[in-house]
C-alpha atoms as a PDB file:
ATOM      1  CA  MET A   1      73.887 122.524  88.455  1.00  0.00           C
ATOM      2  CA  THR A   2      72.216 121.670  91.751  1.00  0.00           C
ATOM      3  CA  PRO A   3      74.500 119.884  94.220  1.00  0.00           C
ATOM      4  CA  ILE A   4      73.688 116.267  94.970  1.00  0.00           C
ATOM      5  CA  ARG A   5      71.592 115.995  98.076  1.00  0.00           C
ATOM      6  CA  TYR A   6      71.607 112.214  98.376  1.00  0.00           C
ATOM      7  CA  HIS A   7      74.384 109.911  97.247  1.00  0.00           C
ATOM      8  CA  ARG A   8      72.528 106.688  97.913  1.00  0.00           C
ATOM      9  CA  ILE A   9      68.913 105.636  98.052  1.00  0.00           C
ATOM     10  CA  LEU A  10      67.874 102.670 100.165  1.00  0.00           C
ATOM     11  CA  LEU A  11      64.821 100.866  98.872  1.00  0.00           C
ATOM     12  CA  LYS A  12      63.381  98.281 101.221  1.00  0.00           C
ATOM     13  CA  ILE A  13      61.126  95.755  99.571  1.00  0.00           C
ATOM     14  CA  SER A  14      59.284  93.299 101.740  1.00  0.00           C
ATOM     15  CA  GLY A  15      58.893  89.665 100.832  1.00  0.00           C
ATOM     16  CA  GLU A  16      55.147  90.048 101.200  1.00  0.00           C
ATOM     17  CA  MET A  17      55.122  92.670  98.466  1.00  0.00           C
ATOM     18  CA  LEU A  18      57.096  90.456  96.073  1.00  0.00           C
ATOM     19  CA  ALA A  19      54.851  87.482  96.783  1.00  0.00           C
ATOM     20  CA  GLY A  20      51.804  89.304  95.445  1.00  0.00           C
ATOM     21  CA  SER A  21      48.717  87.144  95.776  1.00  0.00           C
ATOM     22  CA  GLN A  22      50.778  84.023  96.513  1.00  0.00           C
ATOM     23  CA  SER A  23      51.518  82.903 100.065  1.00  0.00           C
ATOM     24  CA  TYR A  24      55.305  82.556  99.398  1.00  0.00           C
ATOM     25  CA  GLY A  25      57.925  83.108  96.701  1.00  0.00           C
ATOM     26  CA  ILE A  26      58.082  85.844  94.093  1.00  0.00           C
ATOM     27  CA  HIS A  27      55.083  86.383  91.869  1.00  0.00           C
ATOM     28  CA  PRO A  28      56.116  86.950  88.208  1.00  0.00           C
ATOM     29  CA  GLU A  29      53.566  89.727  87.641  1.00  0.00           C
ATOM     30  CA  VAL A  30      55.132  91.778  90.463  1.00  0.00           C
ATOM     31  CA  LEU A  31      58.453  91.856  88.608  1.00  0.00           C
ATOM     32  CA  THR A  32      57.178  93.545  85.459  1.00  0.00           C
ATOM     33  CA  ASN A  33      59.515  96.237  84.183  1.00  0.00           C
ATOM     34  CA  LEU A  34      57.559  99.479  84.502  1.00  0.00           C
ATOM     35  CA  ALA A  35      60.141 101.345  82.392  1.00  0.00           C
ATOM     36  CA  GLU A  36      59.045  99.396  79.321  1.00  0.00           C
ATOM     37  CA  GLU A  37      55.415 100.403  79.685  1.00  0.00           C
ATOM     38  CA  PRO A  38      54.341 103.330  77.439  1.00  0.00           C
ATOM     39  CA  ALA A  39      52.909 105.286  80.364  1.00  0.00           C
ATOM     40  CA  HIS A  40      56.395 105.540  81.919  1.00  0.00           C
ATOM     41  CA  GLN A  41      58.434 106.288  78.775  1.00  0.00           C
ATOM     42  CA  GLY A  42      58.734 110.007  79.582  1.00  0.00           C
ATOM     43  CA  THR A  43      60.157 109.348  83.023  1.00  0.00           C
ATOM     44  CA  ARG A  44      62.594 106.768  81.677  1.00  0.00           C
ATOM     45  CA  LEU A  45      63.833 109.112  78.934  1.00  0.00           C
ATOM     46  CA  THR A  46      64.259 111.964  81.439  1.00  0.00           C
ATOM     47  CA  LEU A  47      66.291 109.790  83.800  1.00  0.00           C
ATOM     48  CA  SER A  48      68.390 108.423  80.929  1.00  0.00           C
ATOM     49  CA  ALA A  49      69.156 111.942  79.690  1.00  0.00           C
ATOM     50  CA  LYS A  50      70.194 113.061  83.182  1.00  0.00           C
ATOM     51  CA  ALA A  51      72.457 110.034  83.591  1.00  0.00           C
ATOM     52  CA  ASP A  52      74.048 110.576  80.175  1.00  0.00           C
ATOM     53  CA  ALA A  53      74.656 114.261  80.946  1.00  0.00           C
ATOM     54  CA  ARG A  54      76.189 113.518  84.326  1.00  0.00           C
ATOM     55  CA  TRP A  55      78.360 110.472  83.615  1.00  0.00           C
ATOM     56  CA  ASP A  56      80.551 109.574  80.670  1.00  0.00           C
ATOM     57  CA  LEU A  57      80.256 105.787  80.813  1.00  0.00           C
ATOM     58  CA  ALA A  58      82.859 105.212  78.079  1.00  0.00           C
ATOM     59  CA  ALA A  59      85.459 107.234  80.018  1.00  0.00           C
ATOM     60  CA  PHE A  60      84.494 105.492  83.254  1.00  0.00           C
ATOM     61  CA  ASP A  61      84.923 102.088  81.567  1.00  0.00           C
ATOM     62  CA  ALA A  62      88.337 103.123  80.206  1.00  0.00           C
ATOM     63  CA  ASP A  63      89.482 104.319  83.655  1.00  0.00           C
ATOM     64  CA  VAL A  64      88.411 101.070  85.299  1.00  0.00           C
ATOM     65  CA  ARG A  65      90.198  98.976  82.686  1.00  0.00           C
ATOM     66  CA  LYS A  66      93.382 101.051  83.007  1.00  0.00           C
ATOM     67  CA  SER A  67      93.290 100.667  86.793  1.00  0.00           C
ATOM     68  CA  GLN A  68      92.834  96.908  86.477  1.00  0.00           C
ATOM     69  CA  ALA A  69      95.786  96.688  84.079  1.00  0.00           C
ATOM     70  CA  ARG A  70      97.987  98.572  86.578  1.00  0.00           C
ATOM     71  CA  ARG A  71      96.946  96.197  89.338  1.00  0.00           C
ATOM     72  CA  TRP A  72      97.889  93.186  87.234  1.00  0.00           C
ATOM     73  CA  VAL A  73     101.400  94.615  86.788  1.00  0.00           C
ATOM     74  CA  VAL A  74     101.746  95.114  90.532  1.00  0.00           C
ATOM     75  CA  TYR A  75     100.292  91.671  91.222  1.00  0.00           C
ATOM     76  CA  GLU A  76     102.885  90.007  88.981  1.00  0.00           C
ATOM     77  CA  ALA A  77     105.674  91.983  90.679  1.00  0.00           C
ATOM     78  CA  LEU A  78     104.454  90.961  94.127  1.00  0.00           C
ATOM     79  CA  ARG A  79     104.406  87.287  93.203  1.00  0.00           C
ATOM     80  CA  LYS A  80     108.163  87.346  92.528  1.00  0.00           C
ATOM     81  CA  GLY A  81     110.557  86.963  95.422  1.00  0.00           C
ATOM     82  CA  GLY A  82     109.688  86.390  99.046  1.00  0.00           C
ATOM     83  CA  TYR A  83     106.379  87.242 100.608  1.00  0.00           C
ATOM     84  CA  TYR A  84     106.468  89.184 103.869  1.00  0.00           C
ATOM     85  CA  PRO A  85     103.467  90.323 105.894  1.00  0.00           C
ATOM     86  CA  TRP A  86     102.689  94.029 106.159  1.00  0.00           C
ATOM     87  CA  ASP A  87     103.061  94.154 109.920  1.00  0.00           C
ATOM     88  CA  HIS A  88     106.641  94.217 111.195  1.00  0.00           C
ATOM     89  CA  GLN A  89     108.023  90.813 111.996  1.00  0.00           C
ATOM     90  CA  PRO A  90     111.799  90.767 112.402  1.00  0.00           C
ATOM     91  CA  LEU A  91     113.346  88.038 110.318  1.00  0.00           C
ATOM     92  CA  ARG A  92     115.000  85.486 112.548  1.00  0.00           C
ATOM     93  CA  ASN A  93     116.853  82.329 111.847  1.00  0.00           C
ATOM     94  CA  ALA A  94     114.875  79.801 113.881  1.00  0.00           C
ATOM     95  CA  SER A  95     117.805  77.397 114.009  1.00  0.00           C
ATOM     96  CA  GLU A  96     119.834  79.968 115.994  1.00  0.00           C
ATOM     97  CA  GLN A  97     117.176  80.766 118.607  1.00  0.00           C
ATOM     98  CA  TYR A  98     117.319  77.565 120.594  1.00  0.00           C
ATOM     99  CA  MET A  99     120.065  75.434 122.050  1.00  0.00           C
ATOM    100  CA  ARG A 100     121.343  72.928 119.569  1.00  0.00           C
ATOM    101  CA  ASN A 101     124.072  70.372 119.847  1.00  0.00           C
ATOM    102  CA  HIS A 102     126.388  72.302 117.525  1.00  0.00           C
ATOM    103  CA  MET A 103     126.390  75.428 119.757  1.00  0.00           C
ATOM    104  CA  ASP A 104     128.983  75.966 122.427  1.00  0.00           C
ATOM    105  CA  LEU A 105     127.241  77.176 125.593  1.00  0.00           C
ATOM    106  CA  ASN A 106     130.182  79.369 126.595  1.00  0.00           C
ATOM    107  CA  VAL A 107     130.154  81.193 123.231  1.00  0.00           C
ATOM    108  CA  LEU A 108     126.393  81.643 123.428  1.00  0.00           C
ATOM    109  CA  GLU A 109     126.529  83.146 126.940  1.00  0.00           C
ATOM    110  CA  GLU A 110     129.448  85.383 126.024  1.00  0.00           C
ATOM    111  CA  ASN A 111     127.525  86.830 123.055  1.00  0.00           C
ATOM    112  CA  LYS A 112     124.514  87.690 125.256  1.00  0.00           C
ATOM    113  CA  ARG A 113     126.556  89.777 127.748  1.00  0.00           C
ATOM    114  CA  PHE A 114     127.244  93.448 127.334  1.00  0.00           C
ATOM    115  CA  PRO A 115     129.984  94.505 126.891  1.00  0.00           C
ATOM    116  CA  ARG A 116     131.012  91.432 125.042  1.00  0.00           C
ATOM    117  CA  GLY A 117     134.152  89.748 126.193  1.00  0.00           C
ATOM    118  CA  GLU A 118     136.675  90.097 123.438  1.00  0.00           C
END
C-alpha cells in the first residue's frame, strides 16, 4: 500500500463562486451533488471502495462509543466530592490567615518564630 502523502486537503471556495450568476447569496444550481450524476458514478464508486478498504466504520463507531462510555464513568466520579483545580493551590483555612478577635496576639507571634518557644 502506498503511504499517505497528504493527511488533509484544504479546499477554498469563494463566495463569488457559490453565488453563481446572482450578485449575492448561494445559487441553488451551484450546489448540485456531482456524485449523483451518471457521468461521475465511476469516480464515486472508486472513492467509496478505497474508503471501505481503508477504514472499518463499524469498528470506528464501536471504539468511539466505548470511549464515550468510559468518559461518562470518569465524569460521574469527578462530580463526587470536592472539586480542586489542576494547578497547585495549597488549601488554607481563610479564617486563620488574618487577625480575628478570638486569636491571642502573643500565641500568634510565638507560632511564627523559629524555633518555637515551648
